[in-house]
Amino acid sequence: MAKLPDFDTLLAMHRDDPDALDRLRNKLTSELVASASSDTQRRLAGLQFRINMELRRAGNPTAAFLKLSNMMQDSFSELNFCLNNPIDAVKARQNGPKADILPLDSAARKQDDTPGTPTRH
């Protein structure tokens, strides 16, 4: 894994070459995700995608910091709830939103039976 430069080097990169600092961030992040177990890699990659999207959407570094700080605070709050109320946390996950899953073939048949819908036979 690549070594993280010292603080002064990172500060200089931030001031003089922010693109290089971003490339370093992406490289280190990719290495970290790749070093994780296969079960964890997918979650980490998803989280990194969310972080990257928030960084892109942020208009400035302060907005990016605030958004990522809020994401981290939400995550810590959820962890705190799970640690202090494990039974309630499990129940909340089990009783989460559910979806009705319809087979595509029956959905297509229902559409064919709708008045005014051209039939496909």
Protein backbone atom coordinates (compact mmCIF):
# COMPACT_ATOMS: atom_id res chain seq x y z
CA MET A 1 0.00 0.00 0.00
CA ALA A 2 1.26 3.47 -0.87
CA LYS A 3 2.58 5.57 1.99
CA LEU A 4 0.65 8.69 2.93
CA PRO A 5 2.88 11.78 2.61
CA ASP A 6 3.44 13.96 5.66
CA PHE A 7 1.04 16.80 6.48
CA ASP A 8 3.21 19.56 4.99
CA THR A 9 3.45 17.71 1.68
CA LEU A 10 -0.30 17.17 1.60
CA LEU A 11 -0.88 20.85 2.38
CA ALA A 12 1.46 21.88 -0.44
CA MET A 13 -0.37 19.53 -2.82
CA HIS A 14 -3.68 21.07 -1.75
CA ARG A 15 -2.40 24.57 -2.49
CA ASP A 16 -0.29 23.92 -5.59
CA ASP A 17 -1.73 20.86 -7.30
CA PRO A 18 -5.21 19.86 -6.07
CA ASP A 19 -5.56 17.40 -8.96
CA ALA A 20 -2.50 15.49 -7.74
CA LEU A 21 -3.98 15.39 -4.24
CA ASP A 22 -7.23 14.03 -5.68
CA ARG A 23 -5.34 11.39 -7.67
CA LEU A 24 -3.51 10.37 -4.49
CA ARG A 25 -6.83 10.14 -2.62
CA ASN A 26 -8.30 7.95 -5.37
CA LYS A 27 -5.20 5.74 -5.49
CA LEU A 28 -5.11 5.19 -1.73
CA THR A 29 -8.84 4.57 -1.61
CA SER A 30 -8.66 2.02 -4.43
CA GLU A 31 -5.82 0.22 -2.67
CA LEU A 32 -7.77 0.12 0.58
CA VAL A 33 -10.90 -1.25 -1.11
CA ALA A 34 -8.83 -3.85 -3.00
CA SER A 35 -7.17 -5.00 0.23
CA ALA A 36 -10.53 -5.66 1.94
CA SER A 37 -12.27 -9.04 1.96
CA SER A 38 -14.47 -9.73 -1.03
CA ASP A 39 -17.59 -9.40 1.14
CA THR A 40 -16.54 -5.95 2.30
CA GLN A 41 -15.22 -4.68 -1.05
CA ARG A 42 -18.67 -4.15 -2.50
CA ARG A 43 -19.88 -2.11 0.48
CA LEU A 44 -16.71 -0.02 0.50
CA ALA A 45 -16.94 0.60 -3.24
CA GLY A 46 -20.56 1.69 -2.82
CA LEU A 47 -19.65 4.02 0.01
CA GLN A 48 -16.78 5.48 -2.00
CA PHE A 49 -19.15 6.07 -4.91
CA ARG A 50 -21.49 8.01 -2.60
CA ILE A 51 -18.58 10.03 -1.25
CA ASN A 52 -17.30 10.84 -4.74
CA MET A 53 -20.77 11.95 -5.83
CA GLU A 54 -21.10 14.24 -2.83
CA LEU A 55 -17.65 15.72 -3.52
CA ARG A 56 -18.67 16.42 -7.12
CA ARG A 57 -21.96 17.99 -6.10
CA ALA A 58 -20.36 20.25 -3.51
CA GLY A 59 -19.75 23.72 -4.82
CA ASN A 60 -16.69 24.35 -2.69
CA PRO A 61 -14.42 22.63 -0.15
CA THR A 62 -16.47 23.86 2.81
CA ALA A 63 -19.68 22.41 1.37
CA ALA A 64 -17.88 19.12 0.68
CA PHE A 65 -16.55 19.02 4.24
CA LEU A 66 -19.99 19.70 5.72
CA LYS A 67 -21.71 17.07 3.59
CA LEU A 68 -19.11 14.38 4.35
CA SER A 69 -19.12 15.35 8.03
CA ASN A 70 -22.91 14.93 8.11
CA MET A 71 -22.65 11.54 6.37
CA MET A 72 -20.13 10.42 8.99
CA GLN A 73 -22.26 11.77 11.86
CA ASP A 74 -25.31 9.89 10.50
CA SER A 75 -23.27 6.71 10.32
CA PHE A 76 -22.01 7.12 13.89
CA SER A 77 -25.55 7.81 15.11
CA GLU A 78 -26.79 4.63 13.45
CA LEU A 79 -23.91 2.65 14.96
CA ASN A 80 -24.65 4.14 18.39
CA PHE A 81 -28.31 3.14 18.07
CA CYS A 82 -27.36 -0.40 17.02
CA LEU A 83 -24.90 -0.81 19.89
CA ASN A 84 -27.26 0.56 22.52
CA ASN A 85 -30.48 -1.00 21.17
CA PRO A 86 -29.51 -4.18 19.33
CA ILE A 87 -32.96 -5.78 19.46
CA ASP A 88 -34.69 -2.63 18.20
CA ALA A 89 -32.06 -2.26 15.47
CA VAL A 90 -32.67 -5.80 14.22
CA LYS A 91 -36.44 -5.27 14.32
CA ALA A 92 -36.10 -2.00 12.41
CA ARG A 93 -34.11 -3.72 9.66
CA GLN A 94 -36.57 -6.60 9.47
CA ASN A 95 -39.57 -4.27 9.36
CA GLY A 96 -38.02 -1.95 6.80
CA PRO A 97 -39.74 -0.97 3.58
CA LYS A 98 -40.88 -3.89 1.52
CA ALA A 99 -41.59 -4.03 -2.19
CA ASP A 100 -44.07 -6.04 -4.20
CA ILE A 101 -42.13 -7.95 -6.82
CA LEU A 102 -44.13 -8.78 -9.91
CA PRO A 103 -42.96 -11.24 -12.55
CA LEU A 104 -42.39 -9.44 -15.83
CA ASP A 105 -44.57 -11.83 -17.82
CA SER A 106 -47.67 -11.21 -15.65
CA ALA A 107 -47.06 -7.44 -15.73
CA ALA A 108 -46.93 -7.62 -19.52
CA ARG A 109 -50.18 -9.62 -19.59
CA LYS A 110 -51.90 -7.06 -17.36
CA GLN A 111 -50.81 -4.31 -19.74
CA ASP A 112 -52.18 -6.28 -22.70
CA ASP A 113 -55.58 -6.54 -20.96
CA THR A 114 -55.79 -2.79 -20.33
CA PRO A 115 -58.43 -1.15 -22.59
CA GLY A 116 -56.89 0.95 -25.29
CA THR A 117 -53.56 -0.83 -25.08
CA PRO A 118 -52.46 -2.50 -28.31
CA THR A 119 -52.16 -6.24 -27.90
CA ARG A 120 -48.92 -8.04 -28.65
CA HIS A 121 -49.50 -11.58 -29.81
